[in-house]
C-alpha atoms as a PDB file:
ATOM      1  CA  UNK A   1     171.022 100.083 127.353  1.00  0.00           C
ATOM      2  CA  UNK A   2     173.849 102.904 127.071  1.00  0.00           C
ATOM      3  CA  UNK A   3     174.689 103.161 123.317  1.00  0.00           C
ATOM      4  CA  UNK A   4     178.408 102.062 123.706  1.00  0.00           C
ATOM      5  CA  UNK A   5     177.129  98.690 124.817  1.00  0.00           C
ATOM      6  CA  UNK A   6     174.571  98.422 122.052  1.00  0.00           C
ATOM      7  CA  UNK A   7     177.121  98.576 119.556  1.00  0.00           C
ATOM      8  CA  UNK A   8     178.786  95.582 120.647  1.00  0.00           C
ATOM      9  CA  UNK A   9     175.647  93.729 120.977  1.00  0.00           C
ATOM     10  CA  UNK A  10     175.867  91.002 118.188  1.00  0.00           C
ATOM     11  CA  UNK A  11     173.737  88.021 119.532  1.00  0.00           C
ATOM     12  CA  UNK A  12     170.540  86.924 118.549  1.00  0.00           C
ATOM     13  CA  UNK A  13     169.198  87.823 121.871  1.00  0.00           C
ATOM     14  CA  UNK A  14     170.227  91.491 121.636  1.00  0.00           C
ATOM     15  CA  UNK A  15     167.752  94.394 122.796  1.00  0.00           C
ATOM     16  CA  UNK A  16     167.651  96.108 119.171  1.00  0.00           C
ATOM     17  CA  UNK A  17     166.830  92.899 118.008  1.00  0.00           C
ATOM     18  CA  UNK A  18     163.917  91.557 120.298  1.00  0.00           C
ATOM     19  CA  UNK A  19     162.472  95.082 121.020  1.00  0.00           C
ATOM     20  CA  UNK A  20     163.199  97.435 118.066  1.00  0.00           C
ATOM     21  CA  UNK A  21     162.310 100.897 118.223  1.00  0.00           C
ATOM     22  CA  UNK A  22     159.275 102.103 116.485  1.00  0.00           C
ATOM     23  CA  UNK A  23     159.103 105.586 114.758  1.00  0.00           C
ATOM     24  CA  UNK A  24     157.741 107.461 117.633  1.00  0.00           C
ATOM     25  CA  UNK A  25     160.514 105.570 120.045  1.00  0.00           C
ATOM     26  CA  UNK A  26     163.126 107.023 117.305  1.00  0.00           C
ATOM     27  CA  UNK A  27     161.599 110.645 117.532  1.00  0.00           C
ATOM     28  CA  UNK A  28     161.207 110.621 121.414  1.00  0.00           C
ATOM     29  CA  UNK A  29     164.751 109.655 121.502  1.00  0.00           C
ATOM     30  CA  UNK A  30     166.268 112.226 119.722  1.00  0.00           C
ATOM     31  CA  UNK A  31     164.053 115.001 121.207  1.00  0.00           C
ATOM     32  CA  UNK A  32     164.992 113.584 124.648  1.00  0.00           C
ATOM     33  CA  UNK A  33     168.543 113.923 123.863  1.00  0.00           C
ATOM     34  CA  UNK A  34     168.127 117.592 122.597  1.00  0.00           C
ATOM     35  CA  UNK A  35     168.686 116.589 119.109  1.00  0.00           C
ATOM     36  CA  UNK A  36     166.946 118.679 116.067  1.00  0.00           C
ATOM     37  CA  UNK A  37     164.629 116.535 114.052  1.00  0.00           C
ATOM     38  CA  UNK A  38     165.322 116.358 110.100  1.00  0.00           C
ATOM     39  CA  UNK A  39     162.804 118.298 108.653  1.00  0.00           C
ATOM     40  CA  UNK A  40     162.313 115.281 106.076  1.00  0.00           C
ATOM     41  CA  UNK A  41     160.737 113.355 109.014  1.00  0.00           C
ATOM     42  CA  UNK A  42     157.916 115.860 108.819  1.00  0.00           C
ATOM     43  CA  UNK A  43     156.926 114.837 105.647  1.00  0.00           C
ATOM     44  CA  UNK A  44     153.816 112.801 104.924  1.00  0.00           C
ATOM     45  CA  UNK A  45     154.462 109.068 104.694  1.00  0.00           C
ATOM     46  CA  UNK A  46     158.078 109.627 105.962  1.00  0.00           C
ATOM     47  CA  UNK A  47     158.859 107.353 108.595  1.00  0.00           C
ATOM     48  CA  UNK A  48     162.235 105.870 109.916  1.00  0.00           C
ATOM     49  CA  UNK A  49     161.346 102.295 108.364  1.00  0.00           C
ATOM     50  CA  UNK A  50     161.860 103.500 104.732  1.00  0.00           C
ATOM     51  CA  UNK A  51     165.438 104.366 105.385  1.00  0.00           C
ATOM     52  CA  UNK A  52     168.162 101.633 104.398  1.00  0.00           C
ATOM     53  CA  UNK A  53     171.755 101.530 105.296  1.00  0.00           C
ATOM     54  CA  UNK A  54     174.433 101.532 102.791  1.00  0.00           C
ATOM     55  CA  UNK A  55     176.805  98.335 102.359  1.00  0.00           C
ATOM     56  CA  UNK A  56     179.953 100.758 101.186  1.00  0.00           C
ATOM     57  CA  UNK A  57     179.896 102.698 104.139  1.00  0.00           C
ATOM     58  CA  UNK A  58     178.858 100.002 106.982  1.00  0.00           C
ATOM     59  CA  UNK A  59     181.176  97.384 105.470  1.00  0.00           C
ATOM     60  CA  UNK A  60     183.578  98.260 102.653  1.00  0.00           C
ATOM     61  CA  UNK A  61     184.548 101.113 104.437  1.00  0.00           C
ATOM     62  CA  UNK A  62     183.372 100.147 108.073  1.00  0.00           C
ATOM     63  CA  UNK A  63     183.620  96.724 109.388  1.00  0.00           C
ATOM     64  CA  UNK A  64     185.742  95.034 106.706  1.00  0.00           C
ATOM     65  CA  UNK A  65     188.397  97.671 106.564  1.00  0.00           C
ATOM     66  CA  UNK A  66     188.575  97.611 110.288  1.00  0.00           C
ATOM     67  CA  UNK A  67     188.870  93.923 110.354  1.00  0.00           C
ATOM     68  CA  UNK A  68     191.578  93.877 107.123  1.00  0.00           C
ATOM     69  CA  UNK A  69     193.801  96.555 108.841  1.00  0.00           C
ATOM     70  CA  UNK A  70     193.792  94.359 112.282  1.00  0.00           C
ATOM     71  CA  UNK A  71     194.337  91.127 110.244  1.00  0.00           C
ATOM     72  CA  UNK A  72     197.243  92.538 108.370  1.00  0.00           C
ATOM     73  CA  UNK A  73     198.558  93.888 111.344  1.00  0.00           C
ATOM     74  CA  UNK A  74     198.494  90.544 113.201  1.00  0.00           C
ATOM     75  CA  UNK A  75     200.047  88.460 110.448  1.00  0.00           C
ATOM     76  CA  UNK A  76     202.691  90.581 109.199  1.00  0.00           C
ATOM     77  CA  UNK A  77     204.949  89.624 112.029  1.00  0.00           C
ATOM     78  CA  UNK A  78     205.001  86.109 110.321  1.00  0.00           C
ATOM     79  CA  UNK A  79     206.703  87.481 107.074  1.00  0.00           C
ATOM     80  CA  UNK A  80     210.669  87.579 106.636  1.00  0.00           C
ATOM     81  CA  UNK A  81     212.051  91.029 106.773  1.00  0.00           C
ATOM     82  CA  UNK A  82     214.359  93.418 108.943  1.00  0.00           C
ATOM     83  CA  UNK A  83     212.096  95.946 109.906  1.00  0.00           C
ATOM     84  CA  UNK A  84     208.065  96.278 109.739  1.00  0.00           C
ATOM     85  CA  UNK A  85     208.151  97.843 106.254  1.00  0.00           C
ATOM     86  CA  UNK A  86     209.741  94.662 105.078  1.00  0.00           C
ATOM     87  CA  UNK A  87     207.590  92.381 106.600  1.00  0.00           C
ATOM     88  CA  UNK A  88     204.456  94.401 104.980  1.00  0.00           C
ATOM     89  CA  UNK A  89     206.039  94.170 101.433  1.00  0.00           C
ATOM     90  CA  UNK A  90     206.925  90.435 101.919  1.00  0.00           C
ATOM     91  CA  UNK A  91     202.911  90.052 102.903  1.00  0.00           C
ATOM     92  CA  UNK A  92     202.191  91.919 100.050  1.00  0.00           C
ATOM     93  CA  UNK A  93     203.344  89.411  97.653  1.00  0.00           C
ATOM     94  CA  UNK A  94     201.248  87.081  98.970  1.00  0.00           C
ATOM     95  CA  UNK A  95     198.428  89.762  98.112  1.00  0.00           C
ATOM     96  CA  UNK A  96     199.856  90.247  94.519  1.00  0.00           C
ATOM     97  CA  UNK A  97     199.796  86.581  94.041  1.00  0.00           C
ATOM     98  CA  UNK A  98     196.120  86.527  94.713  1.00  0.00           C
ATOM     99  CA  UNK A  99     195.597  89.127  92.448  1.00  0.00           C
ATOM    100  CA  UNK A 100     197.190  87.354  89.811  1.00  0.00           C
ATOM    101  CA  UNK A 101     195.516  84.445  90.515  1.00  0.00           C
ATOM    102  CA  UNK A 102     192.005  85.521  90.533  1.00  0.00           C
ATOM    103  CA  UNK A 103     192.381  88.454  88.020  1.00  0.00           C
ATOM    104  CA  UNK A 104     191.538  91.177  90.171  1.00  0.00           C
ATOM    105  CA  UNK A 105     191.064  94.363  89.058  1.00  0.00           C
ATOM    106  CA  UNK A 106     190.709  96.526  91.977  1.00  0.00           C
ATOM    107  CA  UNK A 107     194.170  96.628  93.520  1.00  0.00           C
ATOM    108  CA  UNK A 108     196.387  98.160  96.098  1.00  0.00           C
ATOM    109  CA  UNK A 109     199.668  99.433  94.357  1.00  0.00           C
ATOM    110  CA  UNK A 110     201.593  98.327  97.445  1.00  0.00           C
ATOM    111  CA  UNK A 111     201.193  97.684 101.145  1.00  0.00           C
ATOM    112  CA  UNK A 112     203.028  99.872 103.865  1.00  0.00           C
ATOM    113  CA  UNK A 113     202.765 100.052 107.728  1.00  0.00           C
ATOM    114  CA  UNK A 114     200.847 103.587 107.111  1.00  0.00           C
ATOM    115  CA  UNK A 115     198.057 101.958 105.219  1.00  0.00           C
ATOM    116  CA  UNK A 116     197.359  99.963 108.433  1.00  0.00           C
ATOM    117  CA  UNK A 117     198.619 101.089 111.703  1.00  0.00           C
ATOM    118  CA  UNK A 118     196.662 104.766 112.675  1.00  0.00           C
ATOM    119  CA  UNK A 119     196.715 106.651 115.856  1.00  0.00           C
ATOM    120  CA  UNK A 120     192.854 106.053 115.982  1.00  0.00           C
ATOM    121  CA  UNK A 121     193.178 102.258 115.276  1.00  0.00           C
ATOM    122  CA  UNK A 122     194.132  99.860 113.258  1.00  0.00           C
ATOM    123  CA  UNK A 123     192.589 100.127 110.024  1.00  0.00           C
ATOM    124  CA  UNK A 124     193.020  99.619 106.375  1.00  0.00           C
ATOM    125  CA  UNK A 125     193.333 102.495 104.119  1.00  0.00           C
ATOM    126  CA  UNK A 126     192.069 101.777 100.622  1.00  0.00           C
ATOM    127  CA  UNK A 127     189.171 102.269  98.333  1.00  0.00           C
ATOM    128  CA  UNK A 128     186.044 100.605  98.812  1.00  0.00           C
ATOM    129  CA  UNK A 129     186.241  98.411  95.603  1.00  0.00           C
ATOM    130  CA  UNK A 130     190.005  97.521  97.079  1.00  0.00           C
ATOM    131  CA  UNK A 131     188.882  96.847 100.422  1.00  0.00           C
ATOM    132  CA  UNK A 132     185.931  94.440  98.773  1.00  0.00           C
ATOM    133  CA  UNK A 133     188.612  92.853  97.023  1.00  0.00           C
ATOM    134  CA  UNK A 134     190.783  91.776  99.944  1.00  0.00           C
ATOM    135  CA  UNK A 135     187.968  89.895 101.792  1.00  0.00           C
ATOM    136  CA  UNK A 136     188.527  86.468 100.001  1.00  0.00           C
ATOM    137  CA  UNK A 137     192.288  87.184 100.136  1.00  0.00           C
ATOM    138  CA  UNK A 138     192.426  87.763 103.794  1.00  0.00           C
ATOM    139  CA  UNK A 139     190.494  84.484 104.417  1.00  0.00           C
ATOM    140  CA  UNK A 140     192.860  82.622 102.194  1.00  0.00           C
ATOM    141  CA  UNK A 141     195.812  83.974 104.107  1.00  0.00           C
ATOM    142  CA  UNK A 142     193.934  82.987 107.348  1.00  0.00           C
ATOM    143  CA  UNK A 143     193.517  79.659 106.449  1.00  0.00           C
ATOM    144  CA  UNK A 144     197.562  79.285 105.095  1.00  0.00           C
ATOM    145  CA  UNK A 145     198.782  81.174 108.547  1.00  0.00           C
ATOM    146  CA  UNK A 146     196.407  80.849 111.544  1.00  0.00           C
ATOM    147  CA  UNK A 147     197.138  78.312 114.212  1.00  0.00           C
ATOM    148  CA  UNK A 148     193.544  77.033 114.974  1.00  0.00           C
ATOM    149  CA  UNK A 149     195.156  75.872 118.414  1.00  0.00           C
ATOM    150  CA  UNK A 150     195.533  79.290 119.516  1.00  0.00           C
ATOM    151  CA  UNK A 151     192.582  81.047 120.538  1.00  0.00           C
ATOM    152  CA  UNK A 152     193.482  84.514 118.587  1.00  0.00           C
ATOM    153  CA  UNK A 153     194.231  82.990 115.607  1.00  0.00           C
ATOM    154  CA  UNK A 154     191.202  80.622 115.511  1.00  0.00           C
ATOM    155  CA  UNK A 155     189.033  83.748 116.174  1.00  0.00           C
ATOM    156  CA  UNK A 156     190.779  85.662 113.338  1.00  0.00           C
ATOM    157  CA  UNK A 157     190.325  82.930 111.233  1.00  0.00           C
ATOM    158  CA  UNK A 158     186.745  82.119 111.849  1.00  0.00           C
ATOM    159  CA  UNK A 159     185.964  86.041 111.915  1.00  0.00           C
ATOM    160  CA  UNK A 160     187.659  85.839 108.335  1.00  0.00           C
ATOM    161  CA  UNK A 161     185.437  83.060 107.087  1.00  0.00           C
ATOM    162  CA  UNK A 162     182.008  84.400 108.390  1.00  0.00           C
ATOM    163  CA  UNK A 163     183.112  87.794 106.561  1.00  0.00           C
ATOM    164  CA  UNK A 164     184.059  86.302 103.526  1.00  0.00           C
ATOM    165  CA  UNK A 165     180.674  84.211 103.499  1.00  0.00           C
ATOM    166  CA  UNK A 166     178.692  87.602 104.248  1.00  0.00           C
ATOM    167  CA  UNK A 167     180.166  88.943 100.997  1.00  0.00           C
ATOM    168  CA  UNK A 168     179.387  86.079  99.107  1.00  0.00           C
ATOM    169  CA  UNK A 169     175.900  87.408  99.555  1.00  0.00           C
ATOM    170  CA  UNK A 170     176.350  89.982  97.646  1.00  0.00           C
ATOM    171  CA  UNK A 171     176.755  88.008  94.176  1.00  0.00           C
ATOM    172  CA  UNK A 172     173.802  87.726  91.909  1.00  0.00           C
ATOM    173  CA  UNK A 173     174.984  83.722  91.708  1.00  0.00           C
ATOM    174  CA  UNK A 174     174.407  83.347  95.481  1.00  0.00           C
ATOM    175  CA  UNK A 175     170.935  80.687  95.635  1.00  0.00           C
ATOM    176  CA  UNK A 176     170.093  82.243  99.149  1.00  0.00           C
ATOM    177  CA  UNK A 177     171.906  85.686  99.834  1.00  0.00           C
ATOM    178  CA  UNK A 178     169.189  86.828 102.554  1.00  0.00           C
ATOM    179  CA  UNK A 179     169.812  83.792 104.655  1.00  0.00           C
ATOM    180  CA  UNK A 180     173.481  83.965 104.098  1.00  0.00           C
ATOM    181  CA  UNK A 181     174.289  87.187 105.044  1.00  0.00           C
ATOM    182  CA  UNK A 182     171.486  86.973 108.104  1.00  0.00           C
ATOM    183  CA  UNK A 183     173.503  83.809 109.336  1.00  0.00           C
ATOM    184  CA  UNK A 184     177.116  85.028 108.765  1.00  0.00           C
ATOM    185  CA  UNK A 185     177.251  88.577 109.634  1.00  0.00           C
ATOM    186  CA  UNK A 186     176.392  88.179 113.388  1.00  0.00           C
ATOM    187  CA  UNK A 187     178.657  85.253 113.425  1.00  0.00           C
ATOM    188  CA  UNK A 188     181.655  87.796 112.053  1.00  0.00           C
ATOM    189  CA  UNK A 189     180.605  90.495 114.546  1.00  0.00           C
ATOM    190  CA  UNK A 190     180.485  87.849 117.663  1.00  0.00           C
ATOM    191  CA  UNK A 191     184.466  86.994 116.581  1.00  0.00           C
ATOM    192  CA  UNK A 192     185.476  90.380 116.064  1.00  0.00           C
ATOM    193  CA  UNK A 193     183.920  91.282 119.496  1.00  0.00           C
ATOM    194  CA  UNK A 194     185.945  88.582 120.659  1.00  0.00           C
ATOM    195  CA  UNK A 195     189.017  89.711 119.423  1.00  0.00           C
ATOM    196  CA  UNK A 196     188.574  92.938 121.046  1.00  0.00           C
ATOM    197  CA  UNK A 197     188.012  91.535 124.294  1.00  0.00           C
ATOM    198  CA  UNK A 198     191.052  89.405 123.877  1.00  0.00           C
ATOM    199  CA  UNK A 199     193.363  91.807 122.453  1.00  0.00           C
ATOM    200  CA  UNK A 200     192.268  95.267 123.861  1.00  0.00           C
ATOM    201  CA  UNK A 201     193.953  95.005 127.374  1.00  0.00           C
ATOM    202  CA  UNK A 202     197.091  95.020 125.735  1.00  0.00           C
ATOM    203  CA  UNK A 203     196.598  96.957 122.631  1.00  0.00           C
ATOM    204  CA  UNK A 204     193.695  99.531 122.870  1.00  0.00           C
ATOM    205  CA  UNK A 205     194.063 100.345 119.062  1.00  0.00           C
ATOM    206  CA  UNK A 206     193.310  96.512 118.385  1.00  0.00           C
ATOM    207  CA  UNK A 207     189.942  95.522 116.850  1.00  0.00           C
ATOM    208  CA  UNK A 208     187.911  98.659 118.036  1.00  0.00           C
ATOM    209  CA  UNK A 209     184.245  98.372 118.211  1.00  0.00           C
ATOM    210  CA  UNK A 210     182.753 101.227 116.266  1.00  0.00           C
ATOM    211  CA  UNK A 211     179.224 102.094 115.727  1.00  0.00           C
ATOM    212  CA  UNK A 212     179.260 100.978 111.901  1.00  0.00           C
ATOM    213  CA  UNK A 213     179.166  97.423 113.335  1.00  0.00           C
ATOM    214  CA  UNK A 214     176.044  98.121 114.534  1.00  0.00           C
ATOM    215  CA  UNK A 215     174.860  99.522 111.468  1.00  0.00           C
ATOM    216  CA  UNK A 216     176.501  96.424 109.790  1.00  0.00           C
ATOM    217  CA  UNK A 217     174.380  94.102 111.660  1.00  0.00           C
ATOM    218  CA  UNK A 218     171.198  96.040 110.664  1.00  0.00           C
ATOM    219  CA  UNK A 219     172.071  95.460 107.028  1.00  0.00           C
ATOM    220  CA  UNK A 220     172.374  91.948 107.331  1.00  0.00           C
ATOM    221  CA  UNK A 221     169.134  91.771 109.560  1.00  0.00           C
ATOM    222  CA  UNK A 222     167.274  93.537 106.746  1.00  0.00           C
ATOM    223  CA  UNK A 223     164.830  91.568 104.485  1.00  0.00           C
ATOM    224  CA  UNK A 224     166.502  93.221 101.562  1.00  0.00           C
ATOM    225  CA  UNK A 225     169.737  93.006  98.987  1.00  0.00           C
ATOM    226  CA  UNK A 226     172.175  95.563  99.662  1.00  0.00           C
ATOM    227  CA  UNK A 227     172.358  95.986  95.821  1.00  0.00           C
ATOM    228  CA  UNK A 228     169.321  97.256  95.723  1.00  0.00           C
ATOM    229  CA  UNK A 229     170.387 100.483  98.063  1.00  0.00           C
ATOM    230  CA  UNK A 230     174.119 100.647  97.767  1.00  0.00           C
ATOM    231  CA  UNK A 231     175.441 104.082  96.391  1.00  0.00           C
ATOM    232  CA  UNK A 232     178.761 102.511  94.455  1.00  0.00           C
ATOM    233  CA  UNK A 233     177.683 104.252  91.196  1.00  0.00           C
ATOM    234  CA  UNK A 234     176.916 107.761  92.998  1.00  0.00           C
ATOM    235  CA  UNK A 235     180.718 107.328  95.188  1.00  0.00           C
ATOM    236  CA  UNK A 236     182.235 106.361  92.090  1.00  0.00           C
ATOM    237  CA  UNK A 237     181.337 109.352  90.070  1.00  0.00           C
ATOM    238  CA  UNK A 238     181.839 111.705  92.772  1.00  0.00           C
ATOM    239  CA  UNK A 239     185.253 110.502  93.201  1.00  0.00           C
ATOM    240  CA  UNK A 240     185.938 110.624  89.353  1.00  0.00           C
ATOM    241  CA  UNK A 241     184.362 114.350  89.446  1.00  0.00           C
ATOM    242  CA  UNK A 242     186.640 115.372  92.005  1.00  0.00           C
ATOM    243  CA  UNK A 243     189.897 113.833  89.926  1.00  0.00           C
ATOM    244  CA  UNK A 244     188.605 115.834  86.956  1.00  0.00           C
ATOM    245  CA  UNK A 245     188.430 119.046  88.661  1.00  0.00           C
ATOM    246  CA  UNK A 246     191.735 118.917  90.404  1.00  0.00           C
ATOM    247  CA  UNK A 247     194.113 121.862  89.619  1.00  0.00           C
ATOM    248  CA  UNK A 248     197.346 121.951  89.303  1.00  0.00           C
ATOM    249  CA  UNK A 249     197.930 125.614  89.182  1.00  0.00           C
ATOM    250  CA  UNK A 250     196.324 128.712  87.360  1.00  0.00           C
ATOM    251  CA  UNK A 251     193.707 130.753  88.824  1.00  0.00           C
ATOM    252  CA  UNK A 252     191.195 129.019  91.001  1.00  0.00           C
ATOM    253  CA  UNK A 253     187.647 130.057  90.284  1.00  0.00           C
ATOM    254  CA  UNK A 254     184.009 128.693  89.508  1.00  0.00           C
ATOM    255  CA  UNK A 255     184.514 129.079  85.679  1.00  0.00           C
ATOM    256  CA  UNK A 256     188.091 127.942  85.437  1.00  0.00           C
ATOM    257  CA  UNK A 257     187.197 124.884  87.469  1.00  0.00           C
ATOM    258  CA  UNK A 258     184.035 124.068  85.716  1.00  0.00           C
ATOM    259  CA  UNK A 259     185.854 124.537  82.190  1.00  0.00           C
ATOM    260  CA  UNK A 260     188.662 122.049  83.188  1.00  0.00           C
ATOM    261  CA  UNK A 261     186.375 119.834  84.706  1.00  0.00           C
ATOM    262  CA  UNK A 262     183.888 119.489  81.246  1.00  0.00           C
ATOM    263  CA  UNK A 263     186.811 119.348  78.990  1.00  0.00           C
ATOM    264  CA  UNK A 264     188.387 116.263  80.948  1.00  0.00           C
ATOM    265  CA  UNK A 265     185.334 114.903  81.455  1.00  0.00           C
ATOM    266  CA  UNK A 266     184.825 114.965  77.534  1.00  0.00           C
ATOM    267  CA  UNK A 267     188.555 113.804  77.063  1.00  0.00           C
ATOM    268  CA  UNK A 268     187.607 110.546  78.949  1.00  0.00           C
ATOM    269  CA  UNK A 269     184.187 109.819  77.619  1.00  0.00           C
ATOM    270  CA  UNK A 270     184.337 108.322  74.189  1.00  0.00           C
ATOM    271  CA  UNK A 271     180.669 108.971  73.096  1.00  0.00           C
ATOM    272  CA  UNK A 272     178.206 111.207  74.529  1.00  0.00           C
ATOM    273  CA  UNK A 273     174.420 110.533  73.426  1.00  0.00           C
ATOM    274  CA  UNK A 274     171.350 112.979  74.278  1.00  0.00           C
ATOM    275  CA  UNK A 275     168.071 111.694  73.458  1.00  0.00           C
END
C-alpha cells in the first residue's frame, strides 16, 4: 500500500493492524527503498519491536496541535470583532475563562491568527504542555458552539470529544487507560480524516493528514502506557538549557557560553546536592 494512503488508514481493518510488519519486513523495505540501515539495528537482540513512539511528538506536537489549530480557525469566525485579530482575541477570552476555572498553569499568553494559520496548514503554535492543557478546553468550546445538525460541526464536536477522552487515559486516575486510548484514539482519527475529506476541496490547508497521525494510532494501539516512554523531562531540560545559554551580547565562545549557562543554572537551582 502507498504510504500516503496508509497514513489515513484509521479503521480496525487497516492493513497495518491486520498484517503488521515483522522486523525482517522493515529491514527489507528499507533496503528496497535504497535507505541506509541504522547501525543500532545490527546490535545483538535489537529489533524494531523494542522501540516506542513518544506521546509528546505524536500527540501534543502532532495530531492535537493540528486539530486545535484547525478547530480555532473554524470557530473564531463565530466571535465578535471587526477583523480576524479581534475575533481571535474574543475567542481567547473564553480560553482565559477556562484557564481560571480549572487553575491551568501551562497557558498561552495570547492567541493571534499567526499562532494558528500558517502557509503549510492550520496548526496551533504552542509548547507541548500548553497544547495538552487546551484539549479539554476545545471540547468545552465545541460543546457550546458546534451545531450538531451541521455535518462539519458534528464531526468537529466528536473529534474534540474523542481526543479529550484519549488524553484522559494519560491520567494515573484513569481506571482502564489502555482500553480508553485504544477505543477513542482511532475514533478521533476517523473524525479527523472525515473533516479533511469534507473541507479539503475548498481549503487545502484544512485538516491536513500527516504521518504523525499514523504514529499516534500506533501509540494508541500499543499495549503500553505512554507515561512509561515519553520524553517530557528530557525535552523540558533541553528547552531550559537553551534558554539559560542564550547570549544577549559579548563574545560567543565555548567557554563564554558554558560559563553563562552554569551561572544561570546555579541561580535558578536553590539547592544542589551531590551524593
